[in-house]
Amino acid sequence: MSDRLFAAVLFIVLCGSFASARHSGRSPAQTTRAATSVRPLKAPANGTINVAFIISQDTEAIDLAGPWEVFQDVMFTPEGGPWRGEGEMVMPFNLYTVSDSLEPLAANGLILISSYTFDTAPKPQVIVIPAQGGRSAAQKAWLLANAKTADVTMSVCTGASMLAAYGLLDNQKATTHHMSLKKLQAQYPAVRFVSGARYVENDKISTAGGLTSGIDLALHVVERYYGRETAQNTADFLKYRGELWKVPQFAELREVAANK
């Protein structure tokens, strides 16, 4: 190939890259970074993955129920393939709630009773924090200790405020419900809150924007453990047609300015 022809081809390729980036609203460098993904996760040797949901007063129902249903509905065959409704089935996720006590909790019209207290809960591989109102010393101590060893700690909606309050989001990007972004940014300046993503994923701490976006983040956690086919089979079982759980949600996104 002549130098002149090679230069022409290179020019066309570069123009196409810039045009694609312009169409997506991102620079070429941002487009590359957005395709980055975090590491896959490995299930424990016994095959059971404990998922602990922290609850307290005023827990938001869908923030709890959405991820719960995702993890509950992961099913595959003993050989590791997606379960299609016939034959033996394996359900790898063991789900439970954890709170300060076993007393009934008011949760926006629902009554919740925790499976365990912070003193008795099994050690989790995944921790889920829905939006809620309660804070306690026992909750903080348990979360800080278990987030160190868990594969993933994830919040939904303003559940991110618990992570931020306990320092687990310091110097990291995060998101929350769009109506709470500026408020939380002002309250927790060490966190880099961003808008425009269903979820923001770091290696061990991830945050979902709120409500139904908790489903997307939970499906993505399933994918990190068991791959795209099993996660898609779970979404199909749920009759969930959202596709954004498949897209790496790193925020080449607008950081939020705190209210002055």
C-alpha atoms as a PDB file:
ATOM      1  CA  MET A   1       0.000   0.000   0.000  1.00  0.00           C
ATOM      2  CA  SER A   2       1.380   3.400  -0.952  1.00  0.00           C
ATOM      3  CA  ASP A   3       1.976   6.045   1.706  1.00  0.00           C
ATOM      4  CA  ARG A   4      -0.682   8.232   0.119  1.00  0.00           C
ATOM      5  CA  LEU A   5      -3.289   5.427   0.108  1.00  0.00           C
ATOM      6  CA  PHE A   6      -2.431   4.427   3.698  1.00  0.00           C
ATOM      7  CA  ALA A   7      -2.855   8.049   4.840  1.00  0.00           C
ATOM      8  CA  ALA A   8      -6.236   8.247   3.127  1.00  0.00           C
ATOM      9  CA  VAL A   9      -7.467   5.037   4.803  1.00  0.00           C
ATOM     10  CA  LEU A  10      -6.228   6.211   8.190  1.00  0.00           C
ATOM     11  CA  PHE A  11      -8.008   9.558   7.712  1.00  0.00           C
ATOM     12  CA  ILE A  12     -11.303   7.803   6.909  1.00  0.00           C
ATOM     13  CA  VAL A  13     -11.030   5.525   9.974  1.00  0.00           C
ATOM     14  CA  LEU A  14     -10.282   8.434  12.284  1.00  0.00           C
ATOM     15  CA  CYS A  15     -13.140  10.472  10.853  1.00  0.00           C
ATOM     16  CA  GLY A  16     -15.494   7.565  11.446  1.00  0.00           C
ATOM     17  CA  SER A  17     -14.324   7.246  15.052  1.00  0.00           C
ATOM     18  CA  PHE A  18     -14.828  10.940  15.765  1.00  0.00           C
ATOM     19  CA  ALA A  19     -18.226  10.919  14.054  1.00  0.00           C
ATOM     20  CA  SER A  20     -19.344   7.940  16.130  1.00  0.00           C
ATOM     21  CA  ALA A  21     -18.147   9.579  19.331  1.00  0.00           C
ATOM     22  CA  ARG A  22     -19.884  12.838  18.381  1.00  0.00           C
ATOM     23  CA  HIS A  23     -23.108  10.967  17.716  1.00  0.00           C
ATOM     24  CA  SER A  24     -22.923   9.291  21.150  1.00  0.00           C
ATOM     25  CA  GLY A  25     -22.128  12.554  22.909  1.00  0.00           C
ATOM     26  CA  ARG A  26     -18.732  11.319  24.139  1.00  0.00           C
ATOM     27  CA  SER A  27     -15.157  11.954  23.118  1.00  0.00           C
ATOM     28  CA  PRO A  28     -13.218   9.017  21.571  1.00  0.00           C
ATOM     29  CA  ALA A  29     -11.325   8.572  24.841  1.00  0.00           C
ATOM     30  CA  GLN A  30     -14.569   8.523  26.788  1.00  0.00           C
ATOM     31  CA  THR A  31     -16.067   5.983  24.407  1.00  0.00           C
ATOM     32  CA  THR A  32     -13.129   3.660  25.054  1.00  0.00           C
ATOM     33  CA  ARG A  33     -13.375   4.030  28.827  1.00  0.00           C
ATOM     34  CA  ALA A  34     -17.116   3.413  28.786  1.00  0.00           C
ATOM     35  CA  ALA A  35     -16.488  -0.061  27.376  1.00  0.00           C
ATOM     36  CA  THR A  36     -14.352  -1.039  30.371  1.00  0.00           C
ATOM     37  CA  SER A  37     -15.835  -3.626  32.702  1.00  0.00           C
ATOM     38  CA  VAL A  38     -15.058  -4.746  36.222  1.00  0.00           C
ATOM     39  CA  ARG A  39     -13.672  -8.156  37.035  1.00  0.00           C
ATOM     40  CA  PRO A  40     -15.832 -11.298  36.944  1.00  0.00           C
ATOM     41  CA  LEU A  41     -16.815 -12.782  40.308  1.00  0.00           C
ATOM     42  CA  LYS A  42     -16.234 -16.347  41.473  1.00  0.00           C
ATOM     43  CA  ALA A  43     -18.857 -18.208  43.465  1.00  0.00           C
ATOM     44  CA  PRO A  44     -17.748 -19.793  46.772  1.00  0.00           C
ATOM     45  CA  ALA A  45     -16.550 -23.389  46.687  1.00  0.00           C
ATOM     46  CA  ASN A  46     -19.815 -24.632  48.202  1.00  0.00           C
ATOM     47  CA  GLY A  47     -21.748 -22.916  45.406  1.00  0.00           C
ATOM     48  CA  THR A  48     -23.947 -20.878  47.739  1.00  0.00           C
ATOM     49  CA  ILE A  49     -23.826 -17.083  47.591  1.00  0.00           C
ATOM     50  CA  ASN A  50     -25.236 -15.326  50.652  1.00  0.00           C
ATOM     51  CA  VAL A  51     -27.041 -12.078  49.849  1.00  0.00           C
ATOM     52  CA  ALA A  52     -27.822  -9.846  52.838  1.00  0.00           C
ATOM     53  CA  PHE A  53     -30.375  -7.043  52.556  1.00  0.00           C
ATOM     54  CA  ILE A  54     -30.006  -4.381  55.240  1.00  0.00           C
ATOM     55  CA  ILE A  55     -33.417  -3.110  56.346  1.00  0.00           C
ATOM     56  CA  SER A  56     -34.722  -0.571  58.845  1.00  0.00           C
ATOM     57  CA  GLN A  57     -37.691   1.762  59.217  1.00  0.00           C
ATOM     58  CA  ASP A  58     -39.098   3.131  55.955  1.00  0.00           C
ATOM     59  CA  THR A  59     -37.297   0.706  53.659  1.00  0.00           C
ATOM     60  CA  GLU A  60     -38.393   1.397  50.070  1.00  0.00           C
ATOM     61  CA  ALA A  61     -40.308  -1.665  48.860  1.00  0.00           C
ATOM     62  CA  ILE A  62     -39.127  -1.874  45.244  1.00  0.00           C
ATOM     63  CA  ASP A  63     -35.499  -1.198  46.217  1.00  0.00           C
ATOM     64  CA  LEU A  64     -35.738  -4.380  48.269  1.00  0.00           C
ATOM     65  CA  ALA A  65     -38.086  -6.452  46.111  1.00  0.00           C
ATOM     66  CA  GLY A  66     -36.458  -5.736  42.723  1.00  0.00           C
ATOM     67  CA  PRO A  67     -32.948  -7.059  43.487  1.00  0.00           C
ATOM     68  CA  TRP A  68     -34.446  -9.761  45.726  1.00  0.00           C
ATOM     69  CA  GLU A  69     -36.501 -11.153  42.848  1.00  0.00           C
ATOM     70  CA  VAL A  70     -33.492 -11.080  40.519  1.00  0.00           C
ATOM     71  CA  PHE A  71     -31.225 -13.067  42.851  1.00  0.00           C
ATOM     72  CA  GLN A  72     -34.075 -15.402  43.829  1.00  0.00           C
ATOM     73  CA  ASP A  73     -34.806 -16.264  40.194  1.00  0.00           C
ATOM     74  CA  VAL A  74     -31.281 -17.259  39.142  1.00  0.00           C
ATOM     75  CA  MET A  75     -31.648 -20.916  38.156  1.00  0.00           C
ATOM     76  CA  PHE A  76     -29.346 -23.219  36.258  1.00  0.00           C
ATOM     77  CA  THR A  77     -28.793 -26.921  35.668  1.00  0.00           C
ATOM     78  CA  PRO A  78     -26.321 -29.027  37.688  1.00  0.00           C
ATOM     79  CA  GLU A  79     -24.033 -28.802  34.645  1.00  0.00           C
ATOM     80  CA  GLY A  80     -24.068 -25.008  34.835  1.00  0.00           C
ATOM     81  CA  GLY A  81     -26.344 -24.161  31.909  1.00  0.00           C
ATOM     82  CA  PRO A  82     -29.450 -21.982  32.220  1.00  0.00           C
ATOM     83  CA  TRP A  83     -32.447 -23.879  33.565  1.00  0.00           C
ATOM     84  CA  ARG A  84     -35.289 -23.869  31.017  1.00  0.00           C
ATOM     85  CA  GLY A  85     -38.090 -25.358  33.119  1.00  0.00           C
ATOM     86  CA  GLU A  86     -37.272 -29.078  32.973  1.00  0.00           C
ATOM     87  CA  GLY A  87     -35.008 -31.350  34.990  1.00  0.00           C
ATOM     88  CA  GLU A  88     -33.035 -30.646  38.148  1.00  0.00           C
ATOM     89  CA  MET A  89     -32.576 -27.013  39.125  1.00  0.00           C
ATOM     90  CA  VAL A  90     -29.858 -25.237  41.128  1.00  0.00           C
ATOM     91  CA  MET A  91     -30.613 -21.905  42.871  1.00  0.00           C
ATOM     92  CA  PRO A  92     -27.279 -20.505  44.074  1.00  0.00           C
ATOM     93  CA  PHE A  93     -28.320 -17.355  45.950  1.00  0.00           C
ATOM     94  CA  ASN A  94     -29.336 -17.562  49.625  1.00  0.00           C
ATOM     95  CA  LEU A  95     -31.290 -14.419  50.499  1.00  0.00           C
ATOM     96  CA  TYR A  96     -31.975 -12.916  53.917  1.00  0.00           C
ATOM     97  CA  THR A  97     -32.623  -9.607  55.625  1.00  0.00           C
ATOM     98  CA  VAL A  98     -30.598  -8.199  58.518  1.00  0.00           C
ATOM     99  CA  SER A  99     -31.471  -5.426  60.946  1.00  0.00           C
ATOM    100  CA  ASP A 100     -30.974  -4.229  64.516  1.00  0.00           C
ATOM    101  CA  SER A 101     -33.683  -6.511  65.886  1.00  0.00           C
ATOM    102  CA  LEU A 102     -36.398  -8.948  64.890  1.00  0.00           C
ATOM    103  CA  GLU A 103     -39.124  -6.467  65.777  1.00  0.00           C
ATOM    104  CA  PRO A 104     -41.578  -5.553  62.979  1.00  0.00           C
ATOM    105  CA  LEU A 105     -40.520  -2.590  60.847  1.00  0.00           C
ATOM    106  CA  ALA A 106     -42.867  -0.136  59.133  1.00  0.00           C
ATOM    107  CA  ALA A 107     -41.876   0.170  55.491  1.00  0.00           C
ATOM    108  CA  ASN A 108     -44.179   2.508  53.589  1.00  0.00           C
ATOM    109  CA  GLY A 109     -47.308   0.556  54.434  1.00  0.00           C
ATOM    110  CA  LEU A 110     -45.640  -2.858  54.569  1.00  0.00           C
ATOM    111  CA  ILE A 111     -44.530  -4.642  57.723  1.00  0.00           C
ATOM    112  CA  LEU A 112     -41.086  -6.250  57.497  1.00  0.00           C
ATOM    113  CA  ILE A 113     -39.557  -8.679  59.983  1.00  0.00           C
ATOM    114  CA  SER A 114     -35.848  -9.277  59.587  1.00  0.00           C
ATOM    115  CA  SER A 115     -34.400 -12.759  59.138  1.00  0.00           C
ATOM    116  CA  TYR A 116     -31.423 -11.964  61.382  1.00  0.00           C
ATOM    117  CA  THR A 117     -29.972  -9.303  63.622  1.00  0.00           C
ATOM    118  CA  PHE A 118     -26.524  -7.856  62.985  1.00  0.00           C
ATOM    119  CA  ASP A 119     -25.217 -10.159  65.732  1.00  0.00           C
ATOM    120  CA  THR A 120     -26.566 -13.361  64.176  1.00  0.00           C
ATOM    121  CA  ALA A 121     -26.489 -12.844  60.394  1.00  0.00           C
ATOM    122  CA  PRO A 122     -24.447 -15.220  58.213  1.00  0.00           C
ATOM    123  CA  LYS A 123     -21.443 -13.755  56.438  1.00  0.00           C
ATOM    124  CA  PRO A 124     -22.538 -12.334  53.066  1.00  0.00           C
ATOM    125  CA  GLN A 125     -20.873 -12.345  49.664  1.00  0.00           C
ATOM    126  CA  VAL A 126     -23.317  -9.675  48.411  1.00  0.00           C
ATOM    127  CA  ILE A 127     -24.803  -6.834  50.478  1.00  0.00           C
ATOM    128  CA  VAL A 128     -27.826  -4.862  49.232  1.00  0.00           C
ATOM    129  CA  ILE A 129     -28.841  -1.535  50.793  1.00  0.00           C
ATOM    130  CA  PRO A 130     -32.276  -0.229  49.770  1.00  0.00           C
ATOM    131  CA  ALA A 131     -33.353   3.339  50.535  1.00  0.00           C
ATOM    132  CA  GLN A 132     -34.352   3.513  54.201  1.00  0.00           C
ATOM    133  CA  GLY A 133     -34.403   5.736  57.246  1.00  0.00           C
ATOM    134  CA  GLY A 134     -32.600   3.889  60.023  1.00  0.00           C
ATOM    135  CA  ARG A 135     -29.015   4.297  61.258  1.00  0.00           C
ATOM    136  CA  SER A 136     -27.388   2.623  64.237  1.00  0.00           C
ATOM    137  CA  ALA A 137     -23.976   1.817  65.662  1.00  0.00           C
ATOM    138  CA  ALA A 138     -24.594  -1.918  65.158  1.00  0.00           C
ATOM    139  CA  GLN A 139     -25.547  -1.357  61.524  1.00  0.00           C
ATOM    140  CA  LYS A 140     -22.415   0.701  60.887  1.00  0.00           C
ATOM    141  CA  ALA A 141     -20.093  -1.794  62.560  1.00  0.00           C
ATOM    142  CA  TRP A 142     -21.620  -4.741  60.685  1.00  0.00           C
ATOM    143  CA  LEU A 143     -21.538  -3.027  57.297  1.00  0.00           C
ATOM    144  CA  LEU A 144     -17.967  -1.771  57.635  1.00  0.00           C
ATOM    145  CA  ALA A 145     -16.739  -5.212  58.702  1.00  0.00           C
ATOM    146  CA  ASN A 146     -18.603  -7.180  56.040  1.00  0.00           C
ATOM    147  CA  ALA A 147     -18.073  -4.785  53.119  1.00  0.00           C
ATOM    148  CA  LYS A 148     -14.342  -5.544  53.425  1.00  0.00           C
ATOM    149  CA  THR A 149     -14.847  -9.216  52.611  1.00  0.00           C
ATOM    150  CA  ALA A 150     -18.013  -9.176  50.475  1.00  0.00           C
ATOM    151  CA  ASP A 151     -17.652  -9.515  46.705  1.00  0.00           C
ATOM    152  CA  VAL A 152     -20.104  -6.671  46.094  1.00  0.00           C
ATOM    153  CA  THR A 153     -21.843  -4.117  48.276  1.00  0.00           C
ATOM    154  CA  MET A 154     -24.601  -2.371  46.341  1.00  0.00           C
ATOM    155  CA  SER A 155     -27.057   0.375  47.181  1.00  0.00           C
ATOM    156  CA  VAL A 156     -30.320   1.315  45.510  1.00  0.00           C
ATOM    157  CA  CYS A 157     -31.671   4.868  45.413  1.00  0.00           C
ATOM    158  CA  THR A 158     -30.807   6.858  48.557  1.00  0.00           C
ATOM    159  CA  GLY A 159     -29.396   3.702  50.109  1.00  0.00           C
ATOM    160  CA  ALA A 160     -26.206   5.332  48.792  1.00  0.00           C
ATOM    161  CA  SER A 161     -26.441   7.763  51.699  1.00  0.00           C
ATOM    162  CA  MET A 162     -25.650   4.920  54.114  1.00  0.00           C
ATOM    163  CA  LEU A 163     -22.522   4.017  52.164  1.00  0.00           C
ATOM    164  CA  ALA A 164     -21.543   7.689  52.013  1.00  0.00           C
ATOM    165  CA  ALA A 165     -22.205   8.301  55.708  1.00  0.00           C
ATOM    166  CA  TYR A 166     -19.911   5.420  56.667  1.00  0.00           C
ATOM    167  CA  GLY A 167     -17.116   6.513  54.317  1.00  0.00           C
ATOM    168  CA  LEU A 168     -17.456   3.633  51.863  1.00  0.00           C
ATOM    169  CA  LEU A 169     -17.912   5.933  48.869  1.00  0.00           C
ATOM    170  CA  ASP A 170     -15.108   8.389  49.633  1.00  0.00           C
ATOM    171  CA  ASN A 171     -13.221   9.374  46.461  1.00  0.00           C
ATOM    172  CA  GLN A 172     -15.416   7.131  44.305  1.00  0.00           C
ATOM    173  CA  LYS A 173     -18.046   7.844  41.691  1.00  0.00           C
ATOM    174  CA  ALA A 174     -21.571   6.999  42.721  1.00  0.00           C
ATOM    175  CA  THR A 175     -25.161   7.711  41.853  1.00  0.00           C
ATOM    176  CA  THR A 176     -28.533   7.875  43.566  1.00  0.00           C
ATOM    177  CA  HIS A 177     -32.065   8.947  42.717  1.00  0.00           C
ATOM    178  CA  HIS A 178     -31.951  12.005  40.466  1.00  0.00           C
ATOM    179  CA  MET A 179     -34.036  14.046  42.903  1.00  0.00           C
ATOM    180  CA  SER A 180     -31.491  13.461  45.673  1.00  0.00           C
ATOM    181  CA  LEU A 181     -28.227  13.936  43.769  1.00  0.00           C
ATOM    182  CA  LYS A 182     -27.547  17.553  44.693  1.00  0.00           C
ATOM    183  CA  LYS A 183     -28.601  17.080  48.301  1.00  0.00           C
ATOM    184  CA  LEU A 184     -26.315  14.103  48.831  1.00  0.00           C
ATOM    185  CA  GLN A 185     -23.442  15.777  46.988  1.00  0.00           C
ATOM    186  CA  ALA A 186     -23.678  18.722  49.389  1.00  0.00           C
ATOM    187  CA  GLN A 187     -23.906  16.425  52.377  1.00  0.00           C
ATOM    188  CA  TYR A 188     -21.045  14.125  51.329  1.00  0.00           C
ATOM    189  CA  PRO A 189     -18.466  16.187  49.393  1.00  0.00           C
ATOM    190  CA  ALA A 190     -15.902  13.348  49.433  1.00  0.00           C
ATOM    191  CA  VAL A 191     -18.149  11.368  47.062  1.00  0.00           C
ATOM    192  CA  ARG A 192     -18.225  12.104  43.327  1.00  0.00           C
ATOM    193  CA  PHE A 193     -21.937  11.825  42.571  1.00  0.00           C
ATOM    194  CA  VAL A 194     -22.855  11.617  38.893  1.00  0.00           C
ATOM    195  CA  SER A 195     -26.066  11.788  36.903  1.00  0.00           C
ATOM    196  CA  GLY A 196     -27.179   9.976  33.795  1.00  0.00           C
ATOM    197  CA  ALA A 197     -26.559   6.311  34.672  1.00  0.00           C
ATOM    198  CA  ARG A 198     -28.795   3.473  35.771  1.00  0.00           C
ATOM    199  CA  TYR A 199     -25.953   2.417  38.023  1.00  0.00           C
ATOM    200  CA  VAL A 200     -22.314   3.261  38.693  1.00  0.00           C
ATOM    201  CA  GLU A 201     -20.065   0.291  39.250  1.00  0.00           C
ATOM    202  CA  ASN A 202     -16.790   0.148  41.102  1.00  0.00           C
ATOM    203  CA  ASP A 203     -14.861  -3.036  41.826  1.00  0.00           C
ATOM    204  CA  LYS A 204     -16.458  -3.773  45.226  1.00  0.00           C
ATOM    205  CA  ILE A 205     -18.963  -0.943  45.806  1.00  0.00           C
ATOM    206  CA  SER A 206     -21.743  -0.167  43.325  1.00  0.00           C
ATOM    207  CA  THR A 207     -24.718   2.205  43.423  1.00  0.00           C
ATOM    208  CA  ALA A 208     -27.999   2.140  41.500  1.00  0.00           C
ATOM    209  CA  GLY A 209     -30.006   5.256  40.708  1.00  0.00           C
ATOM    210  CA  GLY A 210     -33.187   4.101  42.329  1.00  0.00           C
ATOM    211  CA  LEU A 211     -36.347   2.028  42.144  1.00  0.00           C
ATOM    212  CA  THR A 212     -36.230  -0.165  39.003  1.00  0.00           C
ATOM    213  CA  SER A 213     -32.519   0.490  38.382  1.00  0.00           C
ATOM    214  CA  GLY A 214     -31.806  -1.860  41.284  1.00  0.00           C
ATOM    215  CA  ILE A 215     -33.011  -4.641  38.976  1.00  0.00           C
ATOM    216  CA  ASP A 216     -30.409  -3.653  36.370  1.00  0.00           C
ATOM    217  CA  LEU A 217     -27.558  -3.619  38.864  1.00  0.00           C
ATOM    218  CA  ALA A 218     -28.611  -6.958  40.363  1.00  0.00           C
ATOM    219  CA  LEU A 219     -28.756  -8.547  36.881  1.00  0.00           C
ATOM    220  CA  HIS A 220     -25.282  -7.201  36.205  1.00  0.00           C
ATOM    221  CA  VAL A 221     -24.009  -8.760  39.453  1.00  0.00           C
ATOM    222  CA  VAL A 222     -25.523 -12.077  38.322  1.00  0.00           C
ATOM    223  CA  GLU A 223     -23.675 -11.671  35.029  1.00  0.00           C
ATOM    224  CA  ARG A 224     -20.405 -11.093  36.873  1.00  0.00           C
ATOM    225  CA  TYR A 225     -20.872 -14.417  38.676  1.00  0.00           C
ATOM    226  CA  TYR A 226     -22.421 -16.617  36.000  1.00  0.00           C
ATOM    227  CA  GLY A 227     -22.162 -14.906  32.638  1.00  0.00           C
ATOM    228  CA  ARG A 228     -24.495 -13.241  30.167  1.00  0.00           C
ATOM    229  CA  GLU A 229     -26.562 -16.314  29.271  1.00  0.00           C
ATOM    230  CA  THR A 230     -27.607 -17.020  32.872  1.00  0.00           C
ATOM    231  CA  ALA A 231     -28.339 -13.335  33.527  1.00  0.00           C
ATOM    232  CA  GLN A 232     -30.435 -13.115  30.366  1.00  0.00           C
ATOM    233  CA  ASN A 233     -32.299 -16.289  31.334  1.00  0.00           C
ATOM    234  CA  THR A 234     -33.070 -14.635  34.680  1.00  0.00           C
ATOM    235  CA  ALA A 235     -34.322 -11.471  32.978  1.00  0.00           C
ATOM    236  CA  ASP A 236     -36.489 -13.597  30.680  1.00  0.00           C
ATOM    237  CA  PHE A 237     -37.981 -15.452  33.649  1.00  0.00           C
ATOM    238  CA  LEU A 238     -38.743 -12.078  35.244  1.00  0.00           C
ATOM    239  CA  LYS A 239     -40.358 -10.893  31.985  1.00  0.00           C
ATOM    240  CA  TYR A 240     -37.986  -7.946  32.284  1.00  0.00           C
ATOM    241  CA  ARG A 241     -37.314  -6.260  28.969  1.00  0.00           C
ATOM    242  CA  GLY A 242     -34.847  -3.611  30.079  1.00  0.00           C
ATOM    243  CA  GLU A 243     -31.473  -3.829  28.325  1.00  0.00           C
ATOM    244  CA  LEU A 244     -29.341  -1.315  30.244  1.00  0.00           C
ATOM    245  CA  TRP A 245     -28.010  -3.930  32.659  1.00  0.00           C
ATOM    246  CA  LYS A 246     -25.902  -5.146  29.728  1.00  0.00           C
ATOM    247  CA  VAL A 247     -24.215  -1.780  29.235  1.00  0.00           C
ATOM    248  CA  PRO A 248     -21.150  -0.871  31.351  1.00  0.00           C
ATOM    249  CA  GLN A 249     -22.402   2.051  33.402  1.00  0.00           C
ATOM    250  CA  PHE A 250     -19.169   3.887  34.095  1.00  0.00           C
ATOM    251  CA  ALA A 251     -19.901   7.541  34.320  1.00  0.00           C
ATOM    252  CA  GLU A 252     -18.203   9.424  31.561  1.00  0.00           C
ATOM    253  CA  LEU A 253     -21.069  11.285  33.058  1.00  0.00           C
ATOM    254  CA  ARG A 254     -21.697  14.690  34.425  1.00  0.00           C
ATOM    255  CA  GLU A 255     -20.589  15.123  38.006  1.00  0.00           C
ATOM    256  CA  VAL A 256     -23.147  16.822  40.197  1.00  0.00           C
ATOM    257  CA  ALA A 257     -22.554  20.254  41.657  1.00  0.00           C
ATOM    258  CA  ALA A 258     -23.714  20.569  45.228  1.00  0.00           C
ATOM    259  CA  ASN A 259     -26.327  23.142  46.147  1.00  0.00           C
ATOM    260  CA  LYS A 260     -24.693  26.298  47.411  1.00  0.00           C
END
